[in-house]
Amino acid sequence: MEAGARCRHLFELEAFIKALTLETNALNADSCAESLPRQFVEWASVGLRDPHIIFDEAEGLTLSVGEPLILAIVEVLVLGRCGAPAEEVYRGVRLCDLVTPLQSETGDHDWEVESSGGATALL
């Protein structure tokens, strides 16, 4: 069985993406530095070609990340590439153009990648 089919078999991907989206968008003034929303904002500065796309278009200070972007990010982190169709857009930008590889071409960020037992973590 291919890896993608095996993952779909083992996990309820849709529920995971919904939960991850809700948790990511839960940023508030009381969020600690180690919280998922704050860590996501940090990651977006190096992991997205347009890191400002994660904020609400009207307010600009509130996180407003949609499920399509979260799915594309998970695909890149787990599979190494965005699986969205080339024509799929997110807020006017091709979805796969938003998400960058784990290591930038210039290597100018301080994220480390750690693999253990087939899992990848950003440190």
C-alpha atoms as a PDB file:
ATOM      1  CA  MET A   1       0.000   0.000   0.000  1.00  0.00           C
ATOM      2  CA  GLU A   2       1.413   3.456  -0.900  1.00  0.00           C
ATOM      3  CA  ALA A   3       2.254   5.873   1.934  1.00  0.00           C
ATOM      4  CA  GLY A   4      -0.623   8.268   1.229  1.00  0.00           C
ATOM      5  CA  ALA A   5      -3.203   5.479   1.159  1.00  0.00           C
ATOM      6  CA  ARG A   6      -1.730   4.005   4.346  1.00  0.00           C
ATOM      7  CA  CYS A   7      -1.987   7.368   6.135  1.00  0.00           C
ATOM      8  CA  ARG A   8      -5.595   7.813   5.030  1.00  0.00           C
ATOM      9  CA  HIS A   9      -6.285   4.306   6.302  1.00  0.00           C
ATOM     10  CA  LEU A  10      -4.716   4.944   9.714  1.00  0.00           C
ATOM     11  CA  PHE A  11      -5.815   8.535  10.326  1.00  0.00           C
ATOM     12  CA  GLU A  12      -8.931  10.580   9.842  1.00  0.00           C
ATOM     13  CA  LEU A  13      -7.156  13.290   7.863  1.00  0.00           C
ATOM     14  CA  GLU A  14     -10.173  15.569   7.506  1.00  0.00           C
ATOM     15  CA  ALA A  15     -10.769  15.630  11.276  1.00  0.00           C
ATOM     16  CA  PHE A  16      -7.057  16.210  11.901  1.00  0.00           C
ATOM     17  CA  ILE A  17      -6.946  19.173   9.466  1.00  0.00           C
ATOM     18  CA  LYS A  18     -10.092  20.694  11.017  1.00  0.00           C
ATOM     19  CA  ALA A  19      -8.676  20.357  14.554  1.00  0.00           C
ATOM     20  CA  LEU A  20      -5.279  21.710  13.515  1.00  0.00           C
ATOM     21  CA  THR A  21      -6.938  24.672  11.781  1.00  0.00           C
ATOM     22  CA  LEU A  22      -9.016  25.491  14.876  1.00  0.00           C
ATOM     23  CA  GLU A  23      -6.022  25.225  17.182  1.00  0.00           C
ATOM     24  CA  THR A  24      -3.817  27.305  14.868  1.00  0.00           C
ATOM     25  CA  ASN A  25      -6.395  30.090  14.684  1.00  0.00           C
ATOM     26  CA  ALA A  26      -6.714  30.218  18.510  1.00  0.00           C
ATOM     27  CA  LEU A  27      -3.939  32.814  18.876  1.00  0.00           C
ATOM     28  CA  ASN A  28      -4.706  35.488  21.452  1.00  0.00           C
ATOM     29  CA  ALA A  29      -2.841  37.881  23.738  1.00  0.00           C
ATOM     30  CA  ASP A  30      -2.585  35.196  26.420  1.00  0.00           C
ATOM     31  CA  SER A  31      -1.041  32.553  24.120  1.00  0.00           C
ATOM     32  CA  CYS A  32       2.330  31.491  25.495  1.00  0.00           C
ATOM     33  CA  ALA A  33       5.407  31.415  23.276  1.00  0.00           C
ATOM     34  CA  GLU A  34       5.329  27.600  23.181  1.00  0.00           C
ATOM     35  CA  SER A  35       1.690  27.405  22.035  1.00  0.00           C
ATOM     36  CA  LEU A  36       0.873  26.015  18.606  1.00  0.00           C
ATOM     37  CA  PRO A  37      -0.490  29.334  17.299  1.00  0.00           C
ATOM     38  CA  ARG A  38       2.654  31.276  18.294  1.00  0.00           C
ATOM     39  CA  GLN A  39       4.921  28.539  16.951  1.00  0.00           C
ATOM     40  CA  PHE A  40       2.919  28.575  13.711  1.00  0.00           C
ATOM     41  CA  VAL A  41       3.445  32.329  13.313  1.00  0.00           C
ATOM     42  CA  GLU A  42       7.197  31.792  13.825  1.00  0.00           C
ATOM     43  CA  TRP A  43       7.250  28.950  11.312  1.00  0.00           C
ATOM     44  CA  ALA A  44       5.215  30.934   8.767  1.00  0.00           C
ATOM     45  CA  SER A  45       7.954  33.571   8.632  1.00  0.00           C
ATOM     46  CA  VAL A  46      10.271  30.992   7.030  1.00  0.00           C
ATOM     47  CA  GLY A  47       7.867  28.324   5.793  1.00  0.00           C
ATOM     48  CA  LEU A  48       5.548  30.487   3.694  1.00  0.00           C
ATOM     49  CA  ARG A  49       6.534  32.683   0.793  1.00  0.00           C
ATOM     50  CA  ASP A  50       3.977  35.250   1.985  1.00  0.00           C
ATOM     51  CA  PRO A  51       3.835  34.921   5.783  1.00  0.00           C
ATOM     52  CA  HIS A  52       1.246  37.704   6.057  1.00  0.00           C
ATOM     53  CA  ILE A  53      -1.340  35.541   4.298  1.00  0.00           C
ATOM     54  CA  ILE A  54      -2.057  33.821   7.640  1.00  0.00           C
ATOM     55  CA  PHE A  55      -3.638  36.970   9.080  1.00  0.00           C
ATOM     56  CA  ASP A  56      -7.227  38.120   8.649  1.00  0.00           C
ATOM     57  CA  GLU A  57      -7.471  40.310   5.571  1.00  0.00           C
ATOM     58  CA  ALA A  58      -9.729  42.887   7.278  1.00  0.00           C
ATOM     59  CA  GLU A  59      -8.122  43.114  10.724  1.00  0.00           C
ATOM     60  CA  GLY A  60      -4.540  42.107   9.999  1.00  0.00           C
ATOM     61  CA  LEU A  61      -3.782  41.094  13.604  1.00  0.00           C
ATOM     62  CA  THR A  62      -5.986  38.020  13.924  1.00  0.00           C
ATOM     63  CA  LEU A  63      -4.868  34.635  12.615  1.00  0.00           C
ATOM     64  CA  SER A  64      -7.226  33.404   9.925  1.00  0.00           C
ATOM     65  CA  VAL A  65      -5.780  30.272   8.358  1.00  0.00           C
ATOM     66  CA  GLY A  66      -8.042  28.146   6.193  1.00  0.00           C
ATOM     67  CA  GLU A  67      -8.098  24.378   5.918  1.00  0.00           C
ATOM     68  CA  PRO A  68      -6.692  24.348   2.353  1.00  0.00           C
ATOM     69  CA  LEU A  69      -3.526  26.123   3.510  1.00  0.00           C
ATOM     70  CA  ILE A  70      -3.177  23.885   6.579  1.00  0.00           C
ATOM     71  CA  LEU A  71      -3.530  20.800   4.360  1.00  0.00           C
ATOM     72  CA  ALA A  72      -0.881  22.104   1.938  1.00  0.00           C
ATOM     73  CA  ILE A  73       1.483  22.776   4.852  1.00  0.00           C
ATOM     74  CA  VAL A  74       0.953  19.287   6.292  1.00  0.00           C
ATOM     75  CA  GLU A  75       1.556  17.766   2.837  1.00  0.00           C
ATOM     76  CA  VAL A  76       4.861  19.611   2.495  1.00  0.00           C
ATOM     77  CA  LEU A  77       5.977  18.720   6.017  1.00  0.00           C
ATOM     78  CA  VAL A  78       5.001  15.050   5.744  1.00  0.00           C
ATOM     79  CA  LEU A  79       5.291  14.248   2.047  1.00  0.00           C
ATOM     80  CA  GLY A  80       7.828  16.862   0.977  1.00  0.00           C
ATOM     81  CA  ARG A  81       5.537  18.483  -1.588  1.00  0.00           C
ATOM     82  CA  CYS A  82       2.196  20.217  -1.957  1.00  0.00           C
ATOM     83  CA  GLY A  83      -0.461  17.943  -3.419  1.00  0.00           C
ATOM     84  CA  ALA A  84      -2.964  20.626  -4.406  1.00  0.00           C
ATOM     85  CA  PRO A  85      -3.871  20.974  -8.086  1.00  0.00           C
ATOM     86  CA  ALA A  86      -1.814  23.628  -9.887  1.00  0.00           C
ATOM     87  CA  GLU A  87      -4.898  25.808 -10.389  1.00  0.00           C
ATOM     88  CA  GLU A  88      -5.981  25.831  -6.714  1.00  0.00           C
ATOM     89  CA  VAL A  89      -5.621  29.304  -5.203  1.00  0.00           C
ATOM     90  CA  TYR A  90      -5.694  30.587  -1.639  1.00  0.00           C
ATOM     91  CA  ARG A  91      -6.545  34.280  -1.255  1.00  0.00           C
ATOM     92  CA  GLY A  92      -5.580  34.928  -4.856  1.00  0.00           C
ATOM     93  CA  VAL A  93      -2.247  33.065  -4.808  1.00  0.00           C
ATOM     94  CA  ARG A  94      -1.554  29.579  -6.159  1.00  0.00           C
ATOM     95  CA  LEU A  95      -1.644  27.376  -3.063  1.00  0.00           C
ATOM     96  CA  CYS A  96       1.489  25.363  -3.842  1.00  0.00           C
ATOM     97  CA  ASP A  97       3.399  28.604  -4.483  1.00  0.00           C
ATOM     98  CA  LEU A  98       2.780  29.688  -0.873  1.00  0.00           C
ATOM     99  CA  VAL A  99       4.446  26.770   0.869  1.00  0.00           C
ATOM    100  CA  THR A 100       8.223  26.527   0.720  1.00  0.00           C
ATOM    101  CA  PRO A 101      10.364  23.448   1.275  1.00  0.00           C
ATOM    102  CA  LEU A 102      11.607  22.712   4.821  1.00  0.00           C
ATOM    103  CA  GLN A 103      15.058  24.088   4.009  1.00  0.00           C
ATOM    104  CA  SER A 104      15.133  27.453   2.242  1.00  0.00           C
ATOM    105  CA  GLU A 105      17.381  27.821  -0.775  1.00  0.00           C
ATOM    106  CA  THR A 106      19.559  30.307   1.110  1.00  0.00           C
ATOM    107  CA  GLY A 107      19.527  28.448   4.418  1.00  0.00           C
ATOM    108  CA  ASP A 108      19.054  31.763   6.222  1.00  0.00           C
ATOM    109  CA  HIS A 109      16.785  30.536   8.989  1.00  0.00           C
ATOM    110  CA  ASP A 110      17.571  28.758  12.219  1.00  0.00           C
ATOM    111  CA  TRP A 111      15.056  25.908  12.026  1.00  0.00           C
ATOM    112  CA  GLU A 112      16.505  22.454  12.496  1.00  0.00           C
ATOM    113  CA  VAL A 113      14.885  19.326  11.138  1.00  0.00           C
ATOM    114  CA  GLU A 114      14.979  16.207  13.287  1.00  0.00           C
ATOM    115  CA  SER A 115      13.834  12.814  12.065  1.00  0.00           C
ATOM    116  CA  SER A 116      13.075   9.932  14.346  1.00  0.00           C
ATOM    117  CA  GLY A 117      11.307   6.724  13.423  1.00  0.00           C
ATOM    118  CA  GLY A 118       9.976   8.193  10.191  1.00  0.00           C
ATOM    119  CA  ALA A 119       8.588  11.339  11.858  1.00  0.00           C
ATOM    120  CA  THR A 120       9.865  14.821  11.132  1.00  0.00           C
ATOM    121  CA  ALA A 121       9.882  17.668  13.635  1.00  0.00           C
ATOM    122  CA  LEU A 122      10.877  21.290  13.308  1.00  0.00           C
ATOM    123  CA  LEU A 123      12.974  22.447  16.255  1.00  0.00           C
END
